[in-house]
Amino acid sequence: MAYSLNMDRSTIEKVNCVIASVLHRKSAAYENMLRSEIPEWDSIAHAGIIVSLEEEFGIEFEGSDLAAIASSHGFAGAIEKTKALSRQQPA
């Protein structure tokens, strides 16, 4: 899953804060938090991250590719994509 490197830094910062909160860790500001490097980031935590991000950003993710997202930057890209799609849909 590839996303733009020009993601909004505030989105990345918020995503990292949410992930850090769910995992009870310090936030990494703009660093790319990798699931493979954080033992606490298991499938249960992953589901909690998804729900927490949806609440934080007021969005609802669609698609089955969420399970494959393995980093904070991946989530930031998915959030920006979801926001863009919702702006394109008629009210």
C-alpha atoms as a PDB file:
ATOM      1  CA  MET A   1       0.000   0.000   0.000  1.00  0.00           C
ATOM      2  CA  ALA A   2       1.819   3.136  -1.165  1.00  0.00           C
ATOM      3  CA  TYR A   3       0.987   6.628  -0.002  1.00  0.00           C
ATOM      4  CA  SER A   4       2.250  10.072  -0.825  1.00  0.00           C
ATOM      5  CA  LEU A   5       5.311  11.296   1.008  1.00  0.00           C
ATOM      6  CA  ASN A   6       3.678  14.735   1.065  1.00  0.00           C
ATOM      7  CA  MET A   7       1.244  13.819   3.821  1.00  0.00           C
ATOM      8  CA  ASP A   8       0.034  16.534   6.162  1.00  0.00           C
ATOM      9  CA  ARG A   9       2.437  16.633   9.108  1.00  0.00           C
ATOM     10  CA  SER A  10      -0.388  17.381  11.535  1.00  0.00           C
ATOM     11  CA  THR A  11      -2.109  14.180  10.379  1.00  0.00           C
ATOM     12  CA  ILE A  12       1.071  12.198  11.007  1.00  0.00           C
ATOM     13  CA  GLU A  13       1.497  13.779  14.436  1.00  0.00           C
ATOM     14  CA  LYS A  14      -2.121  13.014  15.429  1.00  0.00           C
ATOM     15  CA  VAL A  15      -1.825   9.435  14.141  1.00  0.00           C
ATOM     16  CA  ASN A  16       1.356   8.897  16.151  1.00  0.00           C
ATOM     17  CA  CYS A  17      -0.316  10.331  19.275  1.00  0.00           C
ATOM     18  CA  VAL A  18      -3.307   8.001  18.869  1.00  0.00           C
ATOM     19  CA  ILE A  19      -1.106   4.949  18.287  1.00  0.00           C
ATOM     20  CA  ALA A  20       1.095   5.864  21.249  1.00  0.00           C
ATOM     21  CA  SER A  21      -1.978   6.280  23.442  1.00  0.00           C
ATOM     22  CA  VAL A  22      -3.462   2.912  22.444  1.00  0.00           C
ATOM     23  CA  LEU A  23      -0.112   1.172  22.960  1.00  0.00           C
ATOM     24  CA  HIS A  24       0.732   3.118  26.155  1.00  0.00           C
ATOM     25  CA  ARG A  25       3.986   4.440  24.671  1.00  0.00           C
ATOM     26  CA  LYS A  26       5.589   7.831  24.145  1.00  0.00           C
ATOM     27  CA  SER A  27       4.578   9.517  20.902  1.00  0.00           C
ATOM     28  CA  ALA A  28       7.184   9.553  18.155  1.00  0.00           C
ATOM     29  CA  ALA A  29       6.041  12.926  16.709  1.00  0.00           C
ATOM     30  CA  TYR A  30       6.695  12.593  12.966  1.00  0.00           C
ATOM     31  CA  GLU A  31       8.650   9.340  12.904  1.00  0.00           C
ATOM     32  CA  ASN A  32       7.160   6.371  11.135  1.00  0.00           C
ATOM     33  CA  MET A  33       6.064   3.975  13.881  1.00  0.00           C
ATOM     34  CA  LEU A  34       6.409   0.431  12.519  1.00  0.00           C
ATOM     35  CA  ARG A  35       4.195  -2.411  13.694  1.00  0.00           C
ATOM     36  CA  SER A  36       7.062  -4.887  13.274  1.00  0.00           C
ATOM     37  CA  GLU A  37       9.189  -2.933  15.771  1.00  0.00           C
ATOM     38  CA  ILE A  38       6.546  -2.602  18.517  1.00  0.00           C
ATOM     39  CA  PRO A  39       5.748  -5.868  20.323  1.00  0.00           C
ATOM     40  CA  GLU A  40       2.577  -4.421  21.882  1.00  0.00           C
ATOM     41  CA  TRP A  41       1.132  -3.736  18.409  1.00  0.00           C
ATOM     42  CA  ASP A  42      -0.681  -7.042  18.001  1.00  0.00           C
ATOM     43  CA  SER A  43      -3.983  -7.719  16.202  1.00  0.00           C
ATOM     44  CA  ILE A  44      -6.082  -6.593  19.183  1.00  0.00           C
ATOM     45  CA  ALA A  45      -4.127  -3.341  19.480  1.00  0.00           C
ATOM     46  CA  HIS A  46      -4.412  -2.891  15.707  1.00  0.00           C
ATOM     47  CA  ALA A  47      -8.217  -3.006  15.961  1.00  0.00           C
ATOM     48  CA  GLY A  48      -8.072  -0.498  18.820  1.00  0.00           C
ATOM     49  CA  ILE A  49      -5.883   1.809  16.749  1.00  0.00           C
ATOM     50  CA  ILE A  50      -8.360   1.685  13.858  1.00  0.00           C
ATOM     51  CA  VAL A  51     -11.322   2.549  16.096  1.00  0.00           C
ATOM     52  CA  SER A  52      -9.393   5.299  17.885  1.00  0.00           C
ATOM     53  CA  LEU A  53      -8.264   6.857  14.592  1.00  0.00           C
ATOM     54  CA  GLU A  54     -11.826   6.810  13.250  1.00  0.00           C
ATOM     55  CA  GLU A  55     -12.993   8.621  16.384  1.00  0.00           C
ATOM     56  CA  GLU A  56     -10.121  11.122  16.367  1.00  0.00           C
ATOM     57  CA  PHE A  57     -10.555  12.061  12.709  1.00  0.00           C
ATOM     58  CA  GLY A  58     -14.347  11.685  12.476  1.00  0.00           C
ATOM     59  CA  ILE A  59     -14.078   9.206   9.617  1.00  0.00           C
ATOM     60  CA  GLU A  60     -15.028   5.637   8.852  1.00  0.00           C
ATOM     61  CA  PHE A  61     -12.445   3.539   7.074  1.00  0.00           C
ATOM     62  CA  GLU A  62     -13.649   1.381   4.211  1.00  0.00           C
ATOM     63  CA  GLY A  63     -11.996  -1.613   2.656  1.00  0.00           C
ATOM     64  CA  SER A  64     -10.325  -4.734   3.844  1.00  0.00           C
ATOM     65  CA  ASP A  65      -6.765  -3.461   3.399  1.00  0.00           C
ATOM     66  CA  LEU A  66      -6.673  -1.920   6.890  1.00  0.00           C
ATOM     67  CA  ALA A  67      -5.276  -5.125   8.353  1.00  0.00           C
ATOM     68  CA  ALA A  68      -2.267  -4.765   6.055  1.00  0.00           C
ATOM     69  CA  ILE A  69      -1.339  -1.271   7.273  1.00  0.00           C
ATOM     70  CA  ALA A  70       1.819  -1.710   9.301  1.00  0.00           C
ATOM     71  CA  SER A  71       2.956   1.815  10.142  1.00  0.00           C
ATOM     72  CA  SER A  72       1.785   5.185  11.357  1.00  0.00           C
ATOM     73  CA  HIS A  73       2.538   6.718   7.965  1.00  0.00           C
ATOM     74  CA  GLY A  74       0.415   4.019   6.340  1.00  0.00           C
ATOM     75  CA  PHE A  75      -2.488   5.001   8.582  1.00  0.00           C
ATOM     76  CA  ALA A  76      -1.917   8.705   7.852  1.00  0.00           C
ATOM     77  CA  GLY A  77      -2.105   7.970   4.125  1.00  0.00           C
ATOM     78  CA  ALA A  78      -5.282   5.922   4.580  1.00  0.00           C
ATOM     79  CA  ILE A  79      -6.841   8.785   6.560  1.00  0.00           C
ATOM     80  CA  GLU A  80      -6.011  11.325   3.874  1.00  0.00           C
ATOM     81  CA  LYS A  81      -7.381   8.984   1.202  1.00  0.00           C
ATOM     82  CA  THR A  82     -10.598   8.461   3.198  1.00  0.00           C
ATOM     83  CA  LYS A  83     -11.021  12.213   3.685  1.00  0.00           C
ATOM     84  CA  ALA A  84     -10.461  12.858  -0.025  1.00  0.00           C
ATOM     85  CA  LEU A  85     -13.028  10.228  -1.004  1.00  0.00           C
ATOM     86  CA  SER A  86     -15.609  11.628   1.389  1.00  0.00           C
ATOM     87  CA  ARG A  87     -15.170  15.125  -0.117  1.00  0.00           C
ATOM     88  CA  GLN A  88     -15.872  13.680  -3.580  1.00  0.00           C
ATOM     89  CA  GLN A  89     -19.132  11.992  -2.591  1.00  0.00           C
ATOM     90  CA  PRO A  90     -22.322  14.034  -2.950  1.00  0.00           C
ATOM     91  CA  ALA A  91     -24.075  14.951   0.290  1.00  0.00           C
END
